[in-house]
Structure formats: structure tokens, C-alpha cells
Amino acid sequence: MTKQERYEALLPQIESLVSGEPDVIARMANVAAVLHEAFGFWWTGFYRVQGNELVLGPFQGPVACTRIPFGRGVCGTAWQRAETVVVPNVHEFAGHIACSSASNSEIVVPLLRAGEVTAVLDIDSKDFNTFDETDKHFLEQISIWI
């Protein structure tokens, strides 16, 4: 099954898990679990905007950084730009915050509500060049439901 086919198969499951659920933390928790299990990513989770920093939310994977300042690292950069950031090699990303030395590539998708970033979906891989336009397209679609 291709990556696109896996995402297409997951969309109905994710939509049914989040539709009608009023609690954003519950939606984030289930989305992180589904994506993490389906793709076997190293780390899959959310950071929520609280003041001038991102605060760790629901996730799957090893222990993570708890707080990330605005504009710092891949997560803070995606928040600052209000756009998805795909990093083929995190070791070449200026200012990368290494919560885990095992992470080699990353994608961060901002969750936008009324034009404001309220959280980010952060996914890390142990492999280089894991994420591409397919991931960006489907993860941005999923982020609208959270």
C-alpha cells in the first residue's frame, strides 16, 4: 500500500474519531495515536499555544520537550510562519531543538482557527527524508478536523 493509500484509508477513521467530540485534547490524543500506529513514526504529537510558547500536548513516542518558544526550532518556526514546515534532515535546520537525538526528519503542521495558530502537529522520524508533499497534503487536511 502506498503512503497516499494509507492516508486515504485512515481519513474516514480519523474523521469518525474526531467528529462530534467537543474536547480538543481528546481529538488530539486519538489523532496522534492513529497516525503513530499507522505509520510507525518515531514521535507523533501536538504542542498547544499558551501565551508566547508551545506547551506539550497529547503525543505518542518517547519523552519530549515540554515548552518551545515562539519562532524556535521547527515547531516554533511553523507557528511563526503559520505554515507547514517539512525538514528532510533536522541536523541541517538552523536552530533545531533536539528533544531526541534519534530524530532525523520532521514535519510540523500548524492548526489554524480564525487565522490564528492554536497548536501544531509535530511528527518526527528516525529516517532522513521521510516527509513529502503527500504527508503535507493529508496532515493539513487532518489538522482542520482537530
N, C-alpha and C. Protein backbone atom coordinates (compact mmCIF):
# COMPACT_ATOMS: atom_id res chain seq x y z
N MET A 1 0.84 -1.18 0.00
CA MET A 1 0.00 0.00 0.00
C MET A 1 0.89 1.25 0.00
N THR A 2 0.60 2.19 -0.86
CA THR A 2 1.39 3.42 -0.92
C THR A 2 1.06 4.31 0.27
N LYS A 3 1.89 5.31 0.47
CA LYS A 3 1.64 6.27 1.54
C LYS A 3 0.30 6.97 1.33
N GLN A 4 0.03 7.36 0.11
CA GLN A 4 -1.24 8.03 -0.20
C GLN A 4 -2.42 7.11 0.12
N GLU A 5 -2.32 5.86 -0.26
CA GLU A 5 -3.40 4.90 0.02
C GLU A 5 -3.61 4.70 1.52
N ARG A 6 -2.51 4.70 2.29
CA ARG A 6 -2.64 4.57 3.74
C ARG A 6 -3.37 5.77 4.34
N TYR A 7 -2.98 6.98 3.89
CA TYR A 7 -3.68 8.17 4.37
C TYR A 7 -5.16 8.12 3.98
N GLU A 8 -5.44 7.77 2.73
CA GLU A 8 -6.83 7.72 2.27
C GLU A 8 -7.65 6.72 3.07
N ALA A 9 -7.04 5.61 3.46
CA ALA A 9 -7.74 4.62 4.28
C ALA A 9 -7.97 5.13 5.70
N LEU A 10 -7.06 5.97 6.20
CA LEU A 10 -7.17 6.49 7.57
C LEU A 10 -8.17 7.63 7.70
N LEU A 11 -8.38 8.37 6.64
CA LEU A 11 -9.23 9.57 6.74
C LEU A 11 -10.61 9.28 7.33
N PRO A 12 -11.34 8.27 6.86
CA PRO A 12 -12.66 8.01 7.46
C PRO A 12 -12.57 7.65 8.94
N GLN A 13 -11.55 6.89 9.31
CA GLN A 13 -11.37 6.50 10.72
C GLN A 13 -11.11 7.73 11.58
N ILE A 14 -10.20 8.60 11.12
CA ILE A 14 -9.88 9.80 11.89
C ILE A 14 -11.09 10.71 11.98
N GLU A 15 -11.78 10.89 10.86
CA GLU A 15 -12.95 11.76 10.87
C GLU A 15 -14.01 11.25 11.85
N SER A 16 -14.22 9.93 11.89
CA SER A 16 -15.23 9.39 12.82
C SER A 16 -14.78 9.53 14.27
N LEU A 17 -13.48 9.46 14.53
CA LEU A 17 -12.98 9.61 15.90
C LEU A 17 -13.14 11.03 16.42
N VAL A 18 -12.98 12.02 15.54
CA VAL A 18 -13.00 13.41 16.00
C VAL A 18 -14.34 14.10 15.82
N SER A 19 -15.17 13.64 14.87
CA SER A 19 -16.43 14.34 14.63
C SER A 19 -17.36 14.16 15.83
N GLY A 20 -17.89 15.26 16.27
CA GLY A 20 -18.79 15.23 17.41
C GLY A 20 -18.10 15.25 18.77
N GLU A 21 -16.77 15.11 18.80
CA GLU A 21 -16.04 15.15 20.08
C GLU A 21 -15.69 16.61 20.38
N PRO A 22 -16.29 17.17 21.43
CA PRO A 22 -16.05 18.59 21.71
C PRO A 22 -14.70 18.90 22.36
N ASP A 23 -14.04 17.91 22.94
CA ASP A 23 -12.80 18.17 23.66
C ASP A 23 -11.59 18.07 22.74
N VAL A 24 -10.86 19.16 22.60
CA VAL A 24 -9.72 19.20 21.68
C VAL A 24 -8.60 18.26 22.12
N ILE A 25 -8.40 18.09 23.41
CA ILE A 25 -7.35 17.18 23.90
C ILE A 25 -7.68 15.74 23.50
N ALA A 26 -8.94 15.36 23.62
CA ALA A 26 -9.35 14.01 23.22
C ALA A 26 -9.14 13.81 21.72
N ARG A 27 -9.50 14.82 20.92
CA ARG A 27 -9.28 14.72 19.47
C ARG A 27 -7.80 14.59 19.15
N MET A 28 -6.97 15.40 19.78
CA MET A 28 -5.53 15.34 19.56
C MET A 28 -4.97 13.97 19.95
N ALA A 29 -5.40 13.45 21.08
CA ALA A 29 -4.89 12.17 21.57
C ALA A 29 -5.18 11.05 20.58
N ASN A 30 -6.40 10.99 20.09
CA ASN A 30 -6.74 9.92 19.15
C ASN A 30 -6.05 10.09 17.80
N VAL A 31 -5.94 11.30 17.32
CA VAL A 31 -5.25 11.52 16.04
C VAL A 31 -3.77 11.14 16.17
N ALA A 32 -3.13 11.53 17.25
CA ALA A 32 -1.73 11.16 17.46
C ALA A 32 -1.57 9.64 17.48
N ALA A 33 -2.46 8.96 18.17
CA ALA A 33 -2.38 7.50 18.28
C ALA A 33 -2.58 6.83 16.92
N VAL A 34 -3.58 7.27 16.17
CA VAL A 34 -3.86 6.66 14.87
C VAL A 34 -2.68 6.85 13.91
N LEU A 35 -2.17 8.07 13.81
CA LEU A 35 -1.06 8.34 12.89
C LEU A 35 0.20 7.58 13.31
N HIS A 36 0.47 7.58 14.59
CA HIS A 36 1.68 6.92 15.10
C HIS A 36 1.66 5.42 14.81
N GLU A 37 0.52 4.81 15.06
CA GLU A 37 0.40 3.37 14.84
C GLU A 37 0.41 3.02 13.35
N ALA A 38 -0.28 3.81 12.55
CA ALA A 38 -0.40 3.51 11.11
C ALA A 38 0.92 3.63 10.37
N PHE A 39 1.74 4.61 10.77
CA PHE A 39 2.97 4.87 10.02
C PHE A 39 4.25 4.49 10.77
N GLY A 40 4.16 4.20 12.04
CA GLY A 40 5.34 3.82 12.81
C GLY A 40 6.35 4.95 12.96
N PHE A 41 5.84 6.18 13.07
CA PHE A 41 6.73 7.33 13.24
C PHE A 41 7.46 7.24 14.58
N TRP A 42 8.58 7.94 14.73
CA TRP A 42 9.35 7.96 15.96
C TRP A 42 8.59 8.72 17.05
N TRP A 43 8.02 9.87 16.69
CA TRP A 43 7.29 10.70 17.64
C TRP A 43 6.15 11.39 16.91
N THR A 44 4.96 11.36 17.49
CA THR A 44 3.77 11.95 16.88
C THR A 44 2.99 12.66 17.97
N GLY A 45 2.81 13.96 17.84
CA GLY A 45 2.05 14.64 18.88
C GLY A 45 1.77 16.09 18.59
N PHE A 46 1.26 16.74 19.61
CA PHE A 46 0.80 18.12 19.50
C PHE A 46 1.47 19.00 20.54
N TYR A 47 1.66 20.24 20.15
CA TYR A 47 2.03 21.30 21.08
C TYR A 47 0.95 22.37 20.96
N ARG A 48 0.46 22.84 22.11
CA ARG A 48 -0.61 23.84 22.13
C ARG A 48 -0.04 25.22 22.44
N VAL A 49 -0.56 26.23 21.77
CA VAL A 49 -0.13 27.61 22.01
C VAL A 49 -0.68 28.05 23.36
N GLN A 50 0.23 28.49 24.22
CA GLN A 50 -0.13 29.08 25.51
C GLN A 50 0.77 30.28 25.71
N GLY A 51 0.20 31.46 25.52
CA GLY A 51 0.99 32.68 25.63
C GLY A 51 2.01 32.75 24.51
N ASN A 52 3.27 32.91 24.89
CA ASN A 52 4.34 33.06 23.88
C ASN A 52 5.16 31.78 23.71
N GLU A 53 4.56 30.64 24.05
CA GLU A 53 5.27 29.38 23.85
C GLU A 53 4.31 28.26 23.50
N LEU A 54 4.87 27.21 22.97
CA LEU A 54 4.13 25.98 22.70
C LEU A 54 4.32 25.05 23.90
N VAL A 55 3.22 24.47 24.36
CA VAL A 55 3.27 23.57 25.51
C VAL A 55 2.87 22.18 25.05
N LEU A 56 3.62 21.19 25.48
CA LEU A 56 3.40 19.80 25.11
C LEU A 56 1.96 19.38 25.36
N GLY A 57 1.39 18.73 24.35
CA GLY A 57 0.03 18.18 24.45
C GLY A 57 0.09 16.67 24.27
N PRO A 58 -1.02 16.07 23.87
CA PRO A 58 -1.06 14.62 23.69
C PRO A 58 -0.05 14.15 22.64
N PHE A 59 0.61 13.03 22.92
CA PHE A 59 1.61 12.50 21.99
C PHE A 59 1.79 11.01 22.16
N GLN A 60 2.46 10.43 21.17
CA GLN A 60 2.89 9.03 21.18
C GLN A 60 4.39 9.03 20.91
N GLY A 61 5.14 8.27 21.68
CA GLY A 61 6.58 8.20 21.48
C GLY A 61 7.33 8.49 22.76
N PRO A 62 8.65 8.68 22.63
CA PRO A 62 9.47 8.91 23.82
C PRO A 62 9.22 10.30 24.43
N VAL A 63 9.76 10.50 25.62
CA VAL A 63 9.65 11.77 26.33
C VAL A 63 10.05 12.91 25.39
N ALA A 64 9.35 14.05 25.54
CA ALA A 64 9.55 15.17 24.61
C ALA A 64 9.85 16.46 25.36
N CYS A 65 10.27 17.46 24.62
CA CYS A 65 10.44 18.80 25.18
C CYS A 65 9.07 19.28 25.65
N THR A 66 9.05 19.96 26.77
CA THR A 66 7.78 20.39 27.35
C THR A 66 7.32 21.74 26.83
N ARG A 67 8.25 22.67 26.62
CA ARG A 67 7.91 24.02 26.17
C ARG A 67 8.86 24.47 25.07
N ILE A 68 8.29 25.11 24.06
CA ILE A 68 9.08 25.60 22.92
C ILE A 68 8.71 27.06 22.68
N PRO A 69 9.68 27.97 22.70
CA PRO A 69 9.39 29.39 22.48
C PRO A 69 8.96 29.68 21.04
N PHE A 70 8.19 30.74 20.88
CA PHE A 70 7.76 31.22 19.57
C PHE A 70 8.98 31.43 18.67
N GLY A 71 8.92 30.86 17.46
CA GLY A 71 9.99 31.05 16.48
C GLY A 71 11.20 30.16 16.66
N ARG A 72 11.23 29.30 17.68
CA ARG A 72 12.39 28.43 17.93
C ARG A 72 12.13 27.03 17.42
N GLY A 73 13.15 26.42 16.86
CA GLY A 73 13.04 25.05 16.37
C GLY A 73 12.05 24.95 15.22
N VAL A 74 11.78 23.73 14.80
CA VAL A 74 10.87 23.50 13.69
C VAL A 74 9.44 23.85 14.11
N CYS A 75 9.05 23.45 15.32
CA CYS A 75 7.69 23.74 15.80
C CYS A 75 7.45 25.24 15.93
N GLY A 76 8.36 25.93 16.56
CA GLY A 76 8.21 27.37 16.73
C GLY A 76 8.25 28.12 15.42
N THR A 77 9.00 27.60 14.46
CA THR A 77 9.06 28.22 13.13
C THR A 77 7.74 28.03 12.38
N ALA A 78 7.17 26.83 12.45
CA ALA A 78 5.87 26.59 11.81
C ALA A 78 4.80 27.48 12.43
N TRP A 79 4.86 27.68 13.74
CA TRP A 79 3.93 28.57 14.42
C TRP A 79 4.13 30.00 13.94
N GLN A 80 5.37 30.45 13.91
CA GLN A 80 5.67 31.83 13.49
C GLN A 80 5.23 32.10 12.05
N ARG A 81 5.48 31.15 11.17
CA ARG A 81 5.14 31.32 9.75
C ARG A 81 3.67 31.01 9.46
N ALA A 82 3.02 30.31 10.38
CA ALA A 82 1.64 29.82 10.18
C ALA A 82 1.55 28.99 8.91
N GLU A 83 2.56 28.15 8.71
CA GLU A 83 2.58 27.25 7.55
C GLU A 83 3.35 25.98 7.89
N THR A 84 3.03 24.92 7.15
CA THR A 84 3.69 23.64 7.36
C THR A 84 5.17 23.74 7.01
N VAL A 85 5.99 23.12 7.85
CA VAL A 85 7.43 23.07 7.62
C VAL A 85 7.84 21.60 7.51
N VAL A 86 8.45 21.25 6.39
CA VAL A 86 8.96 19.90 6.15
C VAL A 86 10.48 19.98 6.18
N VAL A 87 11.09 19.15 7.03
CA VAL A 87 12.55 19.17 7.19
C VAL A 87 13.10 17.78 6.89
N PRO A 88 13.77 17.62 5.73
CA PRO A 88 14.32 16.31 5.35
C PRO A 88 15.44 15.83 6.28
N ASN A 89 16.22 16.80 6.83
CA ASN A 89 17.33 16.47 7.71
C ASN A 89 17.37 17.53 8.81
N VAL A 90 16.91 17.17 10.01
CA VAL A 90 16.82 18.14 11.10
C VAL A 90 18.19 18.67 11.51
N HIS A 91 19.25 17.94 11.22
CA HIS A 91 20.59 18.37 11.61
C HIS A 91 21.07 19.54 10.76
N GLU A 92 20.37 19.80 9.67
CA GLU A 92 20.70 20.93 8.80
C GLU A 92 19.74 22.10 8.99
N PHE A 93 18.82 21.99 9.94
CA PHE A 93 17.84 23.06 10.20
C PHE A 93 18.40 23.96 11.29
N ALA A 94 18.68 25.20 10.94
CA ALA A 94 19.24 26.15 11.90
C ALA A 94 18.31 26.33 13.08
N GLY A 95 18.83 26.13 14.28
CA GLY A 95 18.04 26.30 15.50
C GLY A 95 17.19 25.11 15.88
N HIS A 96 17.42 23.97 15.24
CA HIS A 96 16.65 22.77 15.58
C HIS A 96 16.80 22.46 17.06
N ILE A 97 15.70 22.15 17.71
CA ILE A 97 15.71 21.75 19.12
C ILE A 97 15.69 20.23 19.15
N ALA A 98 16.76 19.64 19.62
CA ALA A 98 16.89 18.18 19.63
C ALA A 98 16.31 17.60 20.91
N CYS A 99 15.00 17.34 20.89
CA CYS A 99 14.38 16.67 22.04
C CYS A 99 14.86 15.23 22.10
N SER A 100 15.19 14.66 20.93
CA SER A 100 15.72 13.31 20.85
C SER A 100 16.78 13.26 19.76
N SER A 101 17.92 12.72 20.08
CA SER A 101 18.99 12.60 19.08
C SER A 101 18.66 11.57 18.02
N ALA A 102 17.62 10.76 18.24
CA ALA A 102 17.24 9.73 17.26
C ALA A 102 16.41 10.30 16.11
N SER A 103 15.93 11.52 16.26
CA SER A 103 15.11 12.14 15.22
C SER A 103 15.99 12.66 14.09
N ASN A 104 15.61 12.34 12.84
CA ASN A 104 16.40 12.79 11.69
C ASN A 104 15.61 13.60 10.67
N SER A 105 14.30 13.44 10.63
CA SER A 105 13.47 14.27 9.76
C SER A 105 12.18 14.60 10.50
N GLU A 106 11.51 15.67 10.03
CA GLU A 106 10.37 16.17 10.80
C GLU A 106 9.40 16.92 9.89
N ILE A 107 8.13 16.89 10.27
CA ILE A 107 7.11 17.73 9.66
C ILE A 107 6.30 18.35 10.78
N VAL A 108 6.00 19.64 10.64
CA VAL A 108 5.18 20.33 11.63
C VAL A 108 4.07 21.07 10.89
N VAL A 109 2.83 20.78 11.28
CA VAL A 109 1.65 21.36 10.64
C VAL A 109 0.93 22.23 11.66
N PRO A 110 0.77 23.52 11.37
CA PRO A 110 0.04 24.38 12.31
C PRO A 110 -1.47 24.13 12.22
N LEU A 111 -2.14 24.21 13.36
CA LEU A 111 -3.59 24.14 13.42
C LEU A 111 -4.11 25.56 13.50
N LEU A 112 -4.84 25.96 12.47
CA LEU A 112 -5.31 27.34 12.37
C LEU A 112 -6.79 27.43 12.70
N ARG A 113 -7.15 28.39 13.53
CA ARG A 113 -8.55 28.69 13.84
C ARG A 113 -8.72 30.19 13.71
N ALA A 114 -9.61 30.60 12.81
CA ALA A 114 -9.86 32.02 12.56
C ALA A 114 -8.55 32.76 12.25
N GLY A 115 -7.68 32.10 11.49
CA GLY A 115 -6.43 32.73 11.07
C GLY A 115 -5.31 32.72 12.09
N GLU A 116 -5.57 32.17 13.27
CA GLU A 116 -4.56 32.12 14.33
C GLU A 116 -4.11 30.69 14.56
N VAL A 117 -2.81 30.51 14.80
CA VAL A 117 -2.29 29.18 15.14
C VAL A 117 -2.65 28.90 16.60
N THR A 118 -3.34 27.79 16.83
CA THR A 118 -3.73 27.40 18.19
C THR A 118 -2.90 26.23 18.71
N ALA A 119 -2.27 25.50 17.78
CA ALA A 119 -1.46 24.34 18.14
C ALA A 119 -0.68 23.92 16.90
N VAL A 120 0.24 22.98 17.09
CA VAL A 120 0.94 22.38 15.95
C VAL A 120 0.94 20.87 16.11
N LEU A 121 0.85 20.19 14.98
CA LEU A 121 1.03 18.74 14.92
C LEU A 121 2.47 18.52 14.51
N ASP A 122 3.22 17.82 15.34
CA ASP A 122 4.65 17.59 15.14
C ASP A 122 4.89 16.09 14.97
N ILE A 123 5.55 15.72 13.88
CA ILE A 123 5.86 14.30 13.65
C ILE A 123 7.34 14.18 13.30
N ASP A 124 8.02 13.29 14.00
CA ASP A 124 9.45 13.04 13.80
C ASP A 124 9.66 11.60 13.31
N SER A 125 10.71 11.43 12.53
CA SER A 125 11.10 10.11 12.03
C SER A 125 12.57 9.86 12.33
N LYS A 126 12.90 8.60 12.56
CA LYS A 126 14.31 8.22 12.71
C LYS A 126 15.04 8.24 11.38
N ASP A 127 14.29 8.18 10.29
CA ASP A 127 14.87 8.16 8.94
C ASP A 127 14.97 9.56 8.37
N PHE A 128 15.90 9.76 7.48
CA PHE A 128 16.01 11.01 6.75
C PHE A 128 14.98 11.02 5.62
N ASN A 129 14.56 12.21 5.19
CA ASN A 129 13.68 12.38 4.03
C ASN A 129 12.38 11.60 4.12
N THR A 130 11.81 11.50 5.30
CA THR A 130 10.57 10.73 5.46
C THR A 130 9.36 11.46 4.91
N PHE A 131 9.31 12.77 5.08
CA PHE A 131 8.10 13.53 4.80
C PHE A 131 8.18 14.27 3.47
N ASP A 132 7.02 14.34 2.80
CA ASP A 132 6.96 14.96 1.48
C ASP A 132 5.62 15.65 1.28
N GLU A 133 5.31 16.00 0.04
CA GLU A 133 4.06 16.70 -0.26
C GLU A 133 2.83 15.85 0.06
N THR A 134 2.94 14.53 -0.03
CA THR A 134 1.82 13.66 0.32
C THR A 134 1.49 13.82 1.80
N ASP A 135 2.50 13.75 2.65
CA ASP A 135 2.28 13.94 4.09
C ASP A 135 1.70 15.33 4.34
N LYS A 136 2.28 16.34 3.75
CA LYS A 136 1.82 17.72 3.94
C LYS A 136 0.34 17.84 3.58
N HIS A 137 -0.03 17.33 2.42
CA HIS A 137 -1.41 17.42 1.96
C HIS A 137 -2.39 16.77 2.94
N PHE A 138 -2.13 15.53 3.31
CA PHE A 138 -3.07 14.80 4.16
C PHE A 138 -3.05 15.29 5.61
N LEU A 139 -1.87 15.63 6.13
CA LEU A 139 -1.81 16.12 7.51
C LEU A 139 -2.48 17.48 7.65
N GLU A 140 -2.36 18.32 6.63
CA GLU A 140 -3.06 19.60 6.65
C GLU A 140 -4.57 19.38 6.63
N GLN A 141 -5.02 18.40 5.87
CA GLN A 141 -6.45 18.07 5.83
C GLN A 141 -6.92 17.57 7.20
N ILE A 142 -6.15 16.69 7.81
CA ILE A 142 -6.49 16.16 9.13
C ILE A 142 -6.50 17.26 10.18
N SER A 143 -5.57 18.19 10.08
CA SER A 143 -5.47 19.26 11.10
C SER A 143 -6.72 20.13 11.16
N ILE A 144 -7.44 20.22 10.07
CA ILE A 144 -8.68 21.02 10.04
C ILE A 144 -9.73 20.42 10.96
N TRP A 145 -9.70 19.10 11.15
CA TRP A 145 -10.71 18.43 11.98
C TRP A 145 -10.42 18.49 13.46
N ILE A 146 -9.22 18.88 13.84
CA ILE A 146 -8.84 18.82 15.26
C ILE A 146 -9.33 20.04 16.01
